[in-house]
Amino acid sequence: QVQLVESGGDSVQAGGSLTLSCTSSLYLFTCMGWFRQAPGKEREGVGSLYVGADKTDYADSVKGRFTISRDNARKTMYLQMNSLKPEDTAVYYCAANGHSYGGTCPLVSGVRSSYEYPYWGQGTQVTVSS
């Protein structure tokens, strides 16, 4: 059974940077995603990665500030987060899916994210103070 383990969460001040890691116990799946959930809010899709083509997609709220990358040898996906804002405060999760949609990985939120991505990590807390 696959395990996804996130790390790198921390408390930072606004404008700072963090890099989150997601390591798979097996391999990087066809589609990998980063999600976040703030207290009282639904889970939000942050970004997705189609591993085969190294194709990424980002939510508008993080576009230009967050970057997804990967290291196949380390079975690890990264989320580089720059220019962090207090509204980025959330628990960040990585997720995986063995299938894509014609070379595209879904960037979804809420309940649908659980359907599209069957494998999830335990999450890592990111707190951004003003």
Protein backbone atom coordinates (compact mmCIF):
# COMPACT_ATOMS: atom_id res chain seq x y z
CA GLN A 1 0.00 0.00 0.00
CA VAL A 2 1.37 3.37 -0.99
CA GLN A 3 2.28 5.94 1.62
CA LEU A 4 2.71 9.62 0.90
CA VAL A 5 4.62 11.62 3.49
CA GLU A 6 4.67 15.41 3.49
CA SER A 7 7.28 17.46 5.29
CA GLY A 8 8.57 21.00 5.42
CA GLY A 9 5.66 22.78 7.03
CA ASP A 10 6.59 25.61 9.36
CA SER A 11 5.61 29.02 10.67
CA VAL A 12 6.89 31.95 8.63
CA GLN A 13 6.23 35.64 8.28
CA ALA A 14 4.40 37.11 5.33
CA GLY A 15 6.65 37.47 2.34
CA GLY A 16 8.72 34.47 3.32
CA SER A 17 9.30 31.19 1.55
CA LEU A 18 8.93 27.50 2.30
CA THR A 19 9.49 24.31 0.40
CA LEU A 20 7.27 21.35 1.09
CA SER A 21 8.19 17.79 0.16
CA CYS A 22 6.02 14.79 -0.58
CA THR A 23 7.76 11.43 -0.70
CA SER A 24 6.09 8.31 -2.00
CA SER A 25 6.84 4.87 -0.63
CA LEU A 26 6.48 3.38 -4.13
CA TYR A 27 7.02 5.88 -6.95
CA LEU A 28 5.61 9.13 -8.25
CA PHE A 29 2.22 8.41 -9.73
CA THR A 30 0.99 9.65 -13.08
CA CYS A 31 -0.81 12.55 -11.44
CA MET A 32 0.39 14.20 -8.27
CA GLY A 33 -1.35 17.06 -6.55
CA TRP A 34 -0.93 19.56 -3.77
CA PHE A 35 -3.96 20.58 -1.75
CA ARG A 36 -4.58 22.69 1.31
CA GLN A 37 -7.30 23.08 3.88
CA ALA A 38 -7.71 26.00 6.23
CA PRO A 39 -9.94 25.80 9.31
CA GLY A 40 -13.59 26.09 8.38
CA LYS A 41 -12.90 25.95 4.65
CA GLU A 42 -13.15 23.21 2.10
CA ARG A 43 -10.08 21.54 0.73
CA GLU A 44 -8.57 23.57 -2.10
CA GLY A 45 -6.54 22.31 -5.00
CA VAL A 46 -3.25 24.23 -5.09
CA GLY A 47 -1.45 22.61 -7.99
CA SER A 48 -1.15 19.46 -10.02
CA LEU A 49 1.68 17.69 -11.79
CA TYR A 50 1.43 15.35 -14.75
CA VAL A 51 4.62 13.49 -14.06
CA GLY A 52 5.04 11.98 -17.53
CA ALA A 53 5.29 15.36 -19.21
CA ASP A 54 6.36 17.43 -16.24
CA LYS A 55 3.26 19.50 -16.85
CA THR A 56 1.98 21.63 -14.00
CA ASP A 57 -1.18 23.55 -13.31
CA TYR A 58 -1.86 25.98 -10.49
CA ALA A 59 -4.79 27.59 -8.75
CA ASP A 60 -5.14 31.28 -9.54
CA SER A 61 -4.58 32.10 -5.88
CA VAL A 62 -1.01 30.77 -6.00
CA LYS A 63 -0.04 31.20 -9.64
CA GLY A 64 3.29 32.99 -9.96
CA ARG A 65 4.17 32.34 -6.32
CA PHE A 66 4.15 28.54 -5.99
CA THR A 67 6.12 26.06 -8.09
CA ILE A 68 5.84 22.29 -8.24
CA SER A 69 8.85 20.19 -9.10
CA ARG A 70 9.87 16.55 -8.74
CA ASP A 71 12.79 14.21 -8.29
CA ASN A 72 11.92 10.78 -9.64
CA ALA A 73 15.00 9.15 -8.14
CA ARG A 74 13.98 10.36 -4.70
CA LYS A 75 10.29 9.60 -5.39
CA THR A 76 9.61 13.10 -4.17
CA MET A 77 7.48 16.01 -5.31
CA TYR A 78 8.14 19.52 -4.04
CA LEU A 79 6.10 22.64 -3.58
CA GLN A 80 8.20 25.79 -3.53
CA MET A 81 6.15 28.57 -1.98
CA ASN A 82 7.33 32.17 -2.29
CA SER A 83 5.83 35.50 -1.27
CA LEU A 84 3.69 33.75 1.30
CA LYS A 85 0.57 35.48 2.57
CA PRO A 86 -1.46 34.96 5.76
CA GLU A 87 -4.23 33.49 3.61
CA ASP A 88 -1.85 30.68 2.63
CA THR A 89 -2.11 29.38 6.17
CA ALA A 90 -3.47 25.84 6.02
CA VAL A 91 -2.64 22.18 6.32
CA TYR A 92 -1.03 21.16 3.05
CA TYR A 93 -1.56 17.70 1.62
CA CYS A 94 -0.12 15.85 -1.30
CA ALA A 95 -2.16 13.32 -3.21
CA ALA A 96 -1.70 10.86 -6.03
CA ASN A 97 -3.63 9.26 -8.84
CA GLY A 98 -2.43 6.58 -11.21
CA HIS A 99 -4.37 8.01 -14.15
CA SER A 100 -4.52 11.23 -16.10
CA TYR A 101 -7.17 12.68 -18.37
CA GLY A 102 -5.51 12.78 -21.74
CA GLY A 103 -2.29 14.12 -20.26
CA THR A 104 -3.96 16.47 -17.84
CA CYS A 105 -4.18 16.05 -14.11
CA PRO A 106 -7.27 17.42 -12.39
CA LEU A 107 -6.95 20.51 -10.25
CA VAL A 108 -10.06 20.21 -8.14
CA SER A 109 -11.32 21.20 -4.75
CA GLY A 110 -13.72 20.00 -2.11
CA VAL A 111 -15.23 16.57 -2.09
CA ARG A 112 -14.29 15.97 -5.72
CA SER A 113 -10.62 15.95 -4.80
CA SER A 114 -11.15 12.71 -2.87
CA TYR A 115 -12.65 11.07 -5.95
CA GLU A 116 -9.93 12.23 -8.29
CA TYR A 117 -7.01 11.42 -6.01
CA PRO A 118 -7.33 8.14 -4.07
CA TYR A 119 -4.01 8.38 -2.21
CA TRP A 120 -3.27 11.05 0.38
CA GLY A 121 -0.60 12.04 2.82
CA GLN A 122 -1.21 13.04 6.41
CA GLY A 123 -0.59 16.75 5.84
CA THR A 124 1.86 19.34 7.05
CA GLN A 125 0.97 22.65 8.70
CA VAL A 126 1.95 25.95 7.14
CA THR A 127 1.32 29.09 9.17
CA VAL A 128 1.98 32.54 7.75
CA SER A 129 1.85 35.47 10.13
CA SER A 130 1.40 39.09 9.13
